[in-house]
Amino acid sequence: MTPVGVIGLGIMGSAMAANLVRAGFAVHGYDPVPAQRAALKKAGGRPARSAAEVLSRAPTVITSLPSAAALHAVAGELRRKGGIVVETSTLPIDDKLEARDLLRKKGITLLDCPLSGTGAQAKTKDLVVLGSGERAAFSGVVDVLEGFARAHHYLGAFGNGSKMKFVANLLVAIHNVAAAEAFVLGMKAGLDVKTIFRVMSDSAATSRMLQVRGPQMVAGRYDAATMKVAVWQKDMKIIGEFAAAHGVPTPLFNASAAIYNAAMAQGFAAQDTASVCAVLESMARLRRRR
């Protein structure tokens, strides 16, 4: 079996690792949380004791990390000469460039390859890879990408993948709140929530976020988080700064940010971003019939 590594076994990383195992790869993984390493072993993977150990076992390593600090720590730890690191996290481009330059000095190639898709989509291999960096290196890892994603796009120079991810997540932020707003209006007007979901999903008003997060909004349950509100705040900050740096007005994005901030204030930090529906229900003084 072809060896591949995964560093960071959270919601996204664990799903990618499990799909790679099912695709026939020998998956070596590391996460500082023992329970995550145990889950990898249960899924058929091979836990490692460190990030450096992962790269020593596999020439291609995927990183799925929660912060720029985590990326810098991993880049500082890796020692092997040679190898390709497929960086899938949503992080500022400057931090990825810094990590790329550090790893280059060690003979390791870093690719900027963020993902379009939620944790739930990751489990079903419904991810799209937004790839950028050295073309030859990207071509060399396509078989790995196809092990956990349904599609991949090569976008050119390093950093273009992240730029495309910021654009995509701007739409995700807006569409998620828009779906919640539509549900709340329909329910307040007396329509059945399941009927709203069924009809809207089959209409011109549908969106990927309606389809993916609609079931949680219908159920009014957000504890099975595929993107936690607290983690999403990191993405929102990056997108806002990216747009501001380019002098682009984002009125709809800014309006959606207020709703995510309200979700944080109302105690939904550890729950799924679909919980913006609950925020809008509260604002509309809507009480569902259970």
Protein backbone atom coordinates (compact mmCIF):
# COMPACT_ATOMS: atom_id res chain seq x y z
CA MET A 1 0.00 0.00 0.00
CA THR A 2 1.16 3.52 -0.81
CA PRO A 3 1.96 5.45 2.38
CA VAL A 4 0.43 8.88 2.98
CA GLY A 5 0.46 11.04 6.08
CA VAL A 6 -2.14 13.25 7.77
CA ILE A 7 -1.13 15.80 10.41
CA GLY A 8 -4.12 17.22 12.27
CA LEU A 9 -6.93 14.73 12.90
CA GLY A 10 -9.79 17.05 13.78
CA ILE A 11 -13.14 17.14 11.99
CA MET A 12 -11.64 17.53 8.51
CA GLY A 13 -8.37 15.66 8.98
CA SER A 14 -9.98 12.58 10.51
CA ALA A 15 -12.51 12.39 7.67
CA MET A 16 -9.79 12.68 5.03
CA ALA A 17 -7.71 10.03 6.78
CA ALA A 18 -10.64 7.61 6.95
CA ASN A 19 -11.38 8.06 3.25
CA LEU A 20 -7.72 7.52 2.35
CA VAL A 21 -7.75 4.28 4.36
CA ARG A 22 -10.83 3.16 2.42
CA ALA A 23 -9.08 4.13 -0.83
CA GLY A 24 -6.29 1.67 -0.03
CA PHE A 25 -3.56 3.96 1.30
CA ALA A 26 -1.41 3.17 4.33
CA VAL A 27 -2.34 6.23 6.39
CA HIS A 28 0.09 7.48 9.04
CA GLY A 29 -1.31 10.26 11.20
CA TYR A 30 -0.57 12.53 14.10
CA ASP A 31 -2.59 14.81 16.33
CA PRO A 32 -1.60 16.10 19.78
CA VAL A 33 -4.94 14.87 21.17
CA PRO A 34 -4.63 11.16 22.14
CA ALA A 35 -8.31 10.46 21.40
CA GLN A 36 -7.82 11.58 17.81
CA ARG A 37 -4.88 9.23 17.35
CA ALA A 38 -6.95 6.40 18.84
CA ALA A 39 -9.77 7.17 16.40
CA LEU A 40 -7.32 6.95 13.50
CA LYS A 41 -6.18 3.52 14.65
CA LYS A 42 -9.80 2.38 14.92
CA ALA A 43 -10.40 3.59 11.35
CA GLY A 44 -7.50 1.47 10.10
CA GLY A 45 -4.75 4.08 10.15
CA ARG A 46 -1.38 4.07 11.89
CA PRO A 47 -0.86 6.66 14.61
CA ALA A 48 2.53 8.35 14.90
CA ARG A 49 4.14 9.99 17.92
CA SER A 50 4.97 13.27 16.16
CA ALA A 51 4.54 15.26 12.98
CA ALA A 52 8.16 14.53 12.05
CA GLU A 53 7.51 10.80 12.37
CA VAL A 54 4.61 11.08 9.93
CA LEU A 55 6.82 12.63 7.24
CA SER A 56 9.51 10.01 7.89
CA ARG A 57 6.98 7.29 7.05
CA ALA A 58 5.22 8.95 4.08
CA PRO A 59 6.58 11.07 1.21
CA THR A 60 3.26 12.91 0.89
CA VAL A 61 1.68 14.49 3.96
CA ILE A 62 -1.61 16.37 4.30
CA THR A 63 -1.89 19.02 7.00
CA SER A 64 -5.26 20.10 8.41
CA LEU A 65 -4.50 22.57 11.18
CA PRO A 66 -6.51 24.97 13.38
CA SER A 67 -4.19 27.97 13.35
CA ALA A 68 -1.15 29.66 11.82
CA ALA A 69 0.75 28.91 15.04
CA ALA A 70 0.09 25.20 14.52
CA LEU A 71 1.36 25.40 10.94
CA HIS A 72 4.55 27.16 12.01
CA ALA A 73 5.10 24.57 14.75
CA VAL A 74 4.70 21.69 12.30
CA ALA A 75 6.94 23.35 9.69
CA GLY A 76 9.60 23.87 12.34
CA GLU A 77 9.41 20.24 13.43
CA LEU A 78 9.66 18.57 10.02
CA ARG A 79 13.19 17.47 9.20
CA ARG A 80 13.16 15.05 6.29
CA LYS A 81 14.89 16.02 3.05
CA GLY A 82 12.36 15.70 0.30
CA GLY A 83 8.64 15.09 0.46
CA ILE A 84 5.50 17.08 -0.33
CA VAL A 85 3.21 18.69 2.22
CA VAL A 86 -0.34 19.39 1.04
CA GLU A 87 -1.54 22.24 3.27
CA THR A 88 -5.35 22.23 3.39
CA SER A 89 -6.05 24.65 6.26
CA THR A 90 -7.75 28.03 5.90
CA LEU A 91 -5.04 30.44 7.04
CA PRO A 92 -3.60 33.84 6.03
CA ILE A 93 -1.50 33.59 2.88
CA ASP A 94 1.49 35.30 4.51
CA ASP A 95 1.67 32.54 7.12
CA LYS A 96 1.58 29.86 4.43
CA LEU A 97 4.32 31.67 2.49
CA GLU A 98 6.49 31.76 5.61
CA ALA A 99 5.99 28.03 6.13
CA ARG A 100 6.68 27.34 2.44
CA ASP A 101 9.98 29.21 2.57
CA LEU A 102 11.08 27.44 5.75
CA LEU A 103 10.26 24.00 4.37
CA ARG A 104 11.92 24.78 1.05
CA LYS A 105 15.23 25.23 2.91
CA LYS A 106 14.75 21.70 4.23
CA GLY A 107 14.08 20.29 0.77
CA ILE A 108 10.34 19.90 1.40
CA THR A 109 7.73 21.27 -1.01
CA LEU A 110 4.66 22.92 0.47
CA LEU A 111 1.49 23.19 -1.64
CA ASP A 112 -1.34 25.59 -0.80
CA CYS A 113 -4.45 23.43 -1.19
CA PRO A 114 -7.42 24.57 0.94
CA LEU A 115 -10.68 22.67 0.72
CA SER A 116 -14.18 23.64 -0.23
CA GLY A 117 -16.65 21.66 1.85
CA THR A 118 -17.83 21.05 5.41
CA GLY A 119 -16.89 18.31 7.83
CA ALA A 120 -20.04 16.43 6.87
CA GLN A 121 -19.05 16.64 3.22
CA ALA A 122 -15.54 15.49 4.09
CA LYS A 123 -16.96 12.29 5.54
CA THR A 124 -18.72 11.47 2.27
CA LYS A 125 -15.71 12.46 0.10
CA ASP A 126 -17.63 15.50 -1.14
CA LEU A 127 -14.69 17.92 -1.02
CA VAL A 128 -13.12 20.10 -3.71
CA VAL A 129 -9.38 20.79 -3.51
CA LEU A 130 -8.32 24.32 -4.48
CA GLY A 131 -4.68 23.66 -5.34
CA SER A 132 -1.77 26.01 -5.94
CA GLY A 133 2.01 25.92 -5.89
CA GLU A 134 4.58 23.98 -7.90
CA ARG A 135 2.77 22.34 -10.81
CA ALA A 136 4.93 19.21 -10.91
CA ALA A 137 4.46 18.61 -7.18
CA PHE A 138 0.70 19.07 -7.50
CA SER A 139 0.54 16.61 -10.39
CA GLY A 140 2.47 14.13 -8.27
CA VAL A 141 -0.13 14.08 -5.50
CA VAL A 142 -3.30 13.91 -7.59
CA ASP A 143 -3.82 10.24 -6.73
CA VAL A 144 -3.80 11.17 -3.03
CA LEU A 145 -6.25 14.04 -3.58
CA GLU A 146 -8.60 11.70 -5.39
CA GLY A 147 -8.53 9.45 -2.34
CA PHE A 148 -10.42 11.97 -0.22
CA ALA A 149 -11.99 14.54 -2.61
CA ARG A 150 -14.51 14.39 -5.44
CA ALA A 151 -12.75 17.09 -7.48
CA HIS A 152 -9.58 19.14 -7.59
CA HIS A 153 -8.53 22.32 -9.40
CA TYR A 154 -5.01 23.55 -10.05
CA LEU A 155 -5.07 27.35 -9.81
CA GLY A 156 -1.47 28.30 -10.50
CA ALA A 157 0.94 30.21 -8.28
CA PHE A 158 1.21 29.46 -4.58
CA GLY A 159 -1.49 31.34 -2.70
CA ASN A 160 -4.11 31.24 -5.44
CA GLY A 161 -5.74 28.28 -3.72
CA SER A 162 -6.22 30.33 -0.57
CA LYS A 163 -7.50 33.31 -2.53
CA MET A 164 -10.14 31.10 -4.14
CA LYS A 165 -11.02 29.64 -0.73
CA PHE A 166 -11.59 33.12 0.70
CA VAL A 167 -13.92 33.92 -2.19
CA ALA A 168 -15.76 30.61 -1.69
CA ASN A 169 -16.11 31.08 2.05
CA LEU A 170 -17.45 34.59 1.59
CA LEU A 171 -20.34 33.02 -0.31
CA VAL A 172 -20.68 30.23 2.26
CA ALA A 173 -20.99 32.81 5.06
CA ILE A 174 -23.73 34.69 3.23
CA HIS A 175 -25.61 31.64 1.89
CA ASN A 176 -25.72 29.99 5.32
CA VAL A 177 -27.32 33.04 6.94
CA ALA A 178 -29.60 33.51 3.92
CA ALA A 179 -30.86 29.94 4.26
CA ALA A 180 -31.54 30.48 7.96
CA GLU A 181 -33.33 33.76 7.26
CA ALA A 182 -35.59 32.04 4.72
CA PHE A 183 -36.43 29.22 7.15
CA VAL A 184 -37.33 31.68 9.91
CA LEU A 185 -39.51 33.81 7.63
CA GLY A 186 -41.33 30.76 6.36
CA MET A 187 -41.89 29.31 9.84
CA LYS A 188 -43.05 32.65 11.26
CA ALA A 189 -45.54 32.86 8.38
CA GLY A 190 -46.94 29.45 9.32
CA LEU A 191 -45.23 27.15 6.85
CA ASP A 192 -44.02 23.71 7.91
CA VAL A 193 -40.23 23.66 8.27
CA LYS A 194 -39.82 20.31 6.49
CA THR A 195 -41.94 21.55 3.62
CA ILE A 196 -39.84 24.71 3.33
CA PHE A 197 -36.72 22.59 3.03
CA ARG A 198 -38.22 20.18 0.49
CA VAL A 199 -39.65 22.87 -1.76
CA MET A 200 -36.72 25.30 -1.57
CA SER A 201 -34.27 22.48 -2.32
CA ASP A 202 -36.16 21.85 -5.55
CA SER A 203 -36.49 25.50 -6.54
CA ALA A 204 -34.40 28.27 -8.07
CA ALA A 205 -33.73 29.48 -4.51
CA THR A 206 -31.64 26.47 -3.53
CA SER A 207 -27.97 26.65 -2.58
CA ARG A 208 -25.30 24.22 -1.45
CA MET A 209 -25.56 25.61 2.08
CA LEU A 210 -29.33 25.11 2.10
CA GLN A 211 -28.75 21.50 1.08
CA VAL A 212 -25.89 20.83 3.51
CA ARG A 213 -27.05 22.75 6.59
CA GLY A 214 -30.79 22.71 5.95
CA PRO A 215 -31.33 19.38 7.74
CA GLN A 216 -29.83 20.81 10.95
CA MET A 217 -32.00 23.90 10.64
CA VAL A 218 -35.07 21.72 10.11
CA ALA A 219 -34.26 19.67 13.21
CA GLY A 220 -33.23 22.70 15.25
CA ARG A 221 -30.21 20.72 16.49
CA TYR A 222 -26.67 21.98 16.04
CA ASP A 223 -24.55 19.92 18.43
CA ALA A 224 -23.18 17.58 15.72
CA ALA A 225 -20.90 20.33 14.45
CA THR A 226 -19.16 20.01 11.11
CA MET A 227 -17.90 23.61 11.40
CA LYS A 228 -17.97 25.12 14.87
CA VAL A 229 -19.00 28.76 15.16
CA ALA A 230 -15.83 29.54 17.15
CA VAL A 231 -13.60 28.08 14.42
CA TRP A 232 -15.61 29.85 11.73
CA GLN A 233 -14.82 33.18 13.39
CA LYS A 234 -11.20 32.62 12.38
CA ASP A 235 -12.24 32.20 8.75
CA MET A 236 -14.47 35.28 8.90
CA LYS A 237 -11.59 37.41 10.17
CA ILE A 238 -9.27 36.19 7.41
CA ILE A 239 -11.86 36.90 4.70
CA GLY A 240 -12.64 40.36 6.07
CA GLU A 241 -8.97 41.32 6.16
CA PHE A 242 -8.40 39.90 2.67
CA ALA A 243 -11.29 41.94 1.22
CA ALA A 244 -10.17 45.10 3.03
CA ALA A 245 -6.61 44.70 1.75
CA HIS A 246 -7.99 44.70 -1.81
CA GLY A 247 -10.32 47.63 -1.19
CA VAL A 248 -13.43 45.59 -1.98
CA PRO A 249 -16.71 46.43 -0.20
CA THR A 250 -18.49 43.39 1.27
CA PRO A 251 -21.83 44.64 2.62
CA LEU A 252 -23.59 41.27 2.58
CA PHE A 253 -20.61 39.51 4.17
CA ASN A 254 -20.44 42.20 6.86
CA ALA A 255 -24.16 41.81 7.58
CA SER A 256 -23.73 38.04 7.96
CA ALA A 257 -20.81 38.57 10.36
CA ALA A 258 -23.14 40.22 12.88
CA ILE A 259 -25.28 37.09 13.00
CA TYR A 260 -22.26 34.83 13.63
CA ASN A 261 -21.14 37.22 16.38
CA ALA A 262 -24.59 36.90 17.92
CA ALA A 263 -24.29 33.11 17.77
CA MET A 264 -21.06 33.36 19.77
CA ALA A 265 -22.72 35.65 22.32
CA GLN A 266 -25.70 33.32 22.69
CA GLY A 267 -23.58 30.28 23.56
CA PHE A 268 -23.34 28.51 20.20
CA ALA A 269 -19.51 28.69 19.98
CA ALA A 270 -19.05 24.90 20.03
CA GLN A 271 -22.07 24.20 17.82
CA ASP A 272 -22.44 24.15 14.05
CA THR A 273 -22.66 27.38 12.09
CA ALA A 274 -26.18 26.30 11.08
CA SER A 275 -27.09 27.59 14.56
CA VAL A 276 -27.49 31.06 13.03
CA CYS A 277 -31.02 29.80 12.38
CA ALA A 278 -31.60 29.66 16.15
CA VAL A 279 -30.22 33.19 16.48
CA LEU A 280 -32.67 34.52 13.89
CA GLU A 281 -35.53 32.58 15.48
CA SER A 282 -34.78 34.35 18.74
CA MET A 283 -34.65 37.74 17.03
CA ALA A 284 -37.99 36.99 15.33
CA ARG A 285 -39.50 35.81 18.63
CA LEU A 286 -40.36 32.53 16.98
CA ARG A 287 -41.06 29.53 19.16
CA ARG A 288 -41.34 26.26 17.29
CA ARG A 289 -43.89 23.61 18.03
CA ARG A 290 -42.01 20.47 19.04
